[in-house]
C-alpha atoms as a PDB file:
ATOM      1  CA  UNK A   1     143.791  74.186  94.127  1.00  0.00           C
ATOM      2  CA  UNK A   2     140.498  74.324  92.168  1.00  0.00           C
ATOM      3  CA  UNK A   3     139.029  71.328  93.981  1.00  0.00           C
ATOM      4  CA  UNK A   4     139.558  72.936  97.389  1.00  0.00           C
ATOM      5  CA  UNK A   5     138.044  76.198  96.130  1.00  0.00           C
ATOM      6  CA  UNK A   6     135.051  74.372  94.742  1.00  0.00           C
ATOM      7  CA  UNK A   7     134.557  72.544  98.041  1.00  0.00           C
ATOM      8  CA  UNK A   8     134.832  75.795 100.013  1.00  0.00           C
ATOM      9  CA  UNK A   9     132.322  77.477  97.736  1.00  0.00           C
ATOM     10  CA  UNK A  10     129.953  74.533  98.075  1.00  0.00           C
ATOM     11  CA  UNK A  11     130.222  74.700 101.880  1.00  0.00           C
ATOM     12  CA  UNK A  12     129.646  78.473 101.825  1.00  0.00           C
ATOM     13  CA  UNK A  13     126.579  78.061  99.633  1.00  0.00           C
ATOM     14  CA  UNK A  14     125.231  75.367 101.956  1.00  0.00           C
ATOM     15  CA  UNK A  15     125.731  77.675 104.916  1.00  0.00           C
ATOM     16  CA  UNK A  16     123.971  80.525 103.090  1.00  0.00           C
ATOM     17  CA  UNK A  17     121.017  78.278 102.335  1.00  0.00           C
ATOM     18  CA  UNK A  18     120.817  77.068 105.932  1.00  0.00           C
ATOM     19  CA  UNK A  19     120.952  80.649 107.174  1.00  0.00           C
ATOM     20  CA  UNK A  20     118.188  81.695 104.800  1.00  0.00           C
ATOM     21  CA  UNK A  21     116.055  78.737 105.893  1.00  0.00           C
ATOM     22  CA  UNK A  22     116.520  79.691 109.556  1.00  0.00           C
ATOM     23  CA  UNK A  23     115.595  83.293 108.779  1.00  0.00           C
ATOM     24  CA  UNK A  24     112.490  82.192 106.884  1.00  0.00           C
ATOM     25  CA  UNK A  25     111.401  79.964 109.780  1.00  0.00           C
ATOM     26  CA  UNK A  26     111.991  82.809 112.222  1.00  0.00           C
ATOM     27  CA  UNK A  27     109.935  85.199 110.071  1.00  0.00           C
ATOM     28  CA  UNK A  28     107.097  82.672 109.930  1.00  0.00           C
ATOM     29  CA  UNK A  29     107.177  82.189 113.702  1.00  0.00           C
ATOM     30  CA  UNK A  30     107.200  85.954 114.288  1.00  0.00           C
ATOM     31  CA  UNK A  31     104.278  86.413 111.899  1.00  0.00           C
ATOM     32  CA  UNK A  32     102.304  83.662 113.632  1.00  0.00           C
ATOM     33  CA  UNK A  33     102.995  85.275 116.997  1.00  0.00           C
ATOM     34  CA  UNK A  34     101.943  88.693 115.694  1.00  0.00           C
ATOM     35  CA  UNK A  35      98.701  87.203 114.367  1.00  0.00           C
ATOM     36  CA  UNK A  36      98.033  85.566 117.721  1.00  0.00           C
ATOM     37  CA  UNK A  37      98.662  88.850 119.532  1.00  0.00           C
ATOM     38  CA  UNK A  38      96.337  90.682 117.154  1.00  0.00           C
ATOM     39  CA  UNK A  39      93.626  88.124 117.838  1.00  0.00           C
ATOM     40  CA  UNK A  40      94.124  88.440 121.605  1.00  0.00           C
ATOM     41  CA  UNK A  41      94.046  92.248 121.383  1.00  0.00           C
ATOM     42  CA  UNK A  42      90.765  92.140 119.468  1.00  0.00           C
ATOM     43  CA  UNK A  43      89.299  89.722 121.994  1.00  0.00           C
ATOM     44  CA  UNK A  44      90.422  91.931 124.882  1.00  0.00           C
ATOM     45  CA  UNK A  45      88.893  95.018 123.253  1.00  0.00           C
ATOM     46  CA  UNK A  46      85.638  93.139 122.691  1.00  0.00           C
ATOM     47  CA  UNK A  47      85.531  92.113 126.364  1.00  0.00           C
ATOM     48  CA  UNK A  48      86.252  95.678 127.497  1.00  0.00           C
ATOM     49  CA  UNK A  49      83.411  96.950 125.322  1.00  0.00           C
ATOM     50  CA  UNK A  50      81.072  94.327 126.788  1.00  0.00           C
ATOM     51  CA  UNK A  51      82.050  95.354 130.338  1.00  0.00           C
ATOM     52  CA  UNK A  52      81.408  99.000 129.533  1.00  0.00           C
ATOM     53  CA  UNK A  53      78.014  98.229 128.059  1.00  0.00           C
ATOM     54  CA  UNK A  54      77.155  96.170 131.133  1.00  0.00           C
ATOM     55  CA  UNK A  55      78.120  99.041 133.437  1.00  0.00           C
ATOM     56  CA  UNK A  56      76.101 101.495 131.382  1.00  0.00           C
ATOM     57  CA  UNK A  57      73.064  99.258 131.729  1.00  0.00           C
ATOM     58  CA  UNK A  58      73.541  98.768 135.482  1.00  0.00           C
ATOM     59  CA  UNK A  59      73.924 102.294 136.746  1.00  0.00           C
ATOM     60  CA  UNK A  60      72.470 105.669 135.960  1.00  0.00           C
ATOM     61  CA  UNK A  61      75.797 107.226 137.006  1.00  0.00           C
ATOM     62  CA  UNK A  62      77.592 105.425 134.176  1.00  0.00           C
ATOM     63  CA  UNK A  63      74.743 106.159 131.787  1.00  0.00           C
ATOM     64  CA  UNK A  64      75.468 109.891 132.180  1.00  0.00           C
ATOM     65  CA  UNK A  65      78.806 109.292 130.497  1.00  0.00           C
ATOM     66  CA  UNK A  66      77.115 108.666 127.177  1.00  0.00           C
END
């Protein structure tokens, strides 16, 4: 029956669209998380560099490492 086929195709297309929307949302969330991690990694590296510089200033033993 053509009407049943048309309805099935409409339902399939709806499901495809919903799936694509979910995938797009998931990609956006993953990208946002990756950006946040990148920011945290940069901040952590900056803090490590500051600690190293502090140690180099505080002790002649650490200064010999330069």
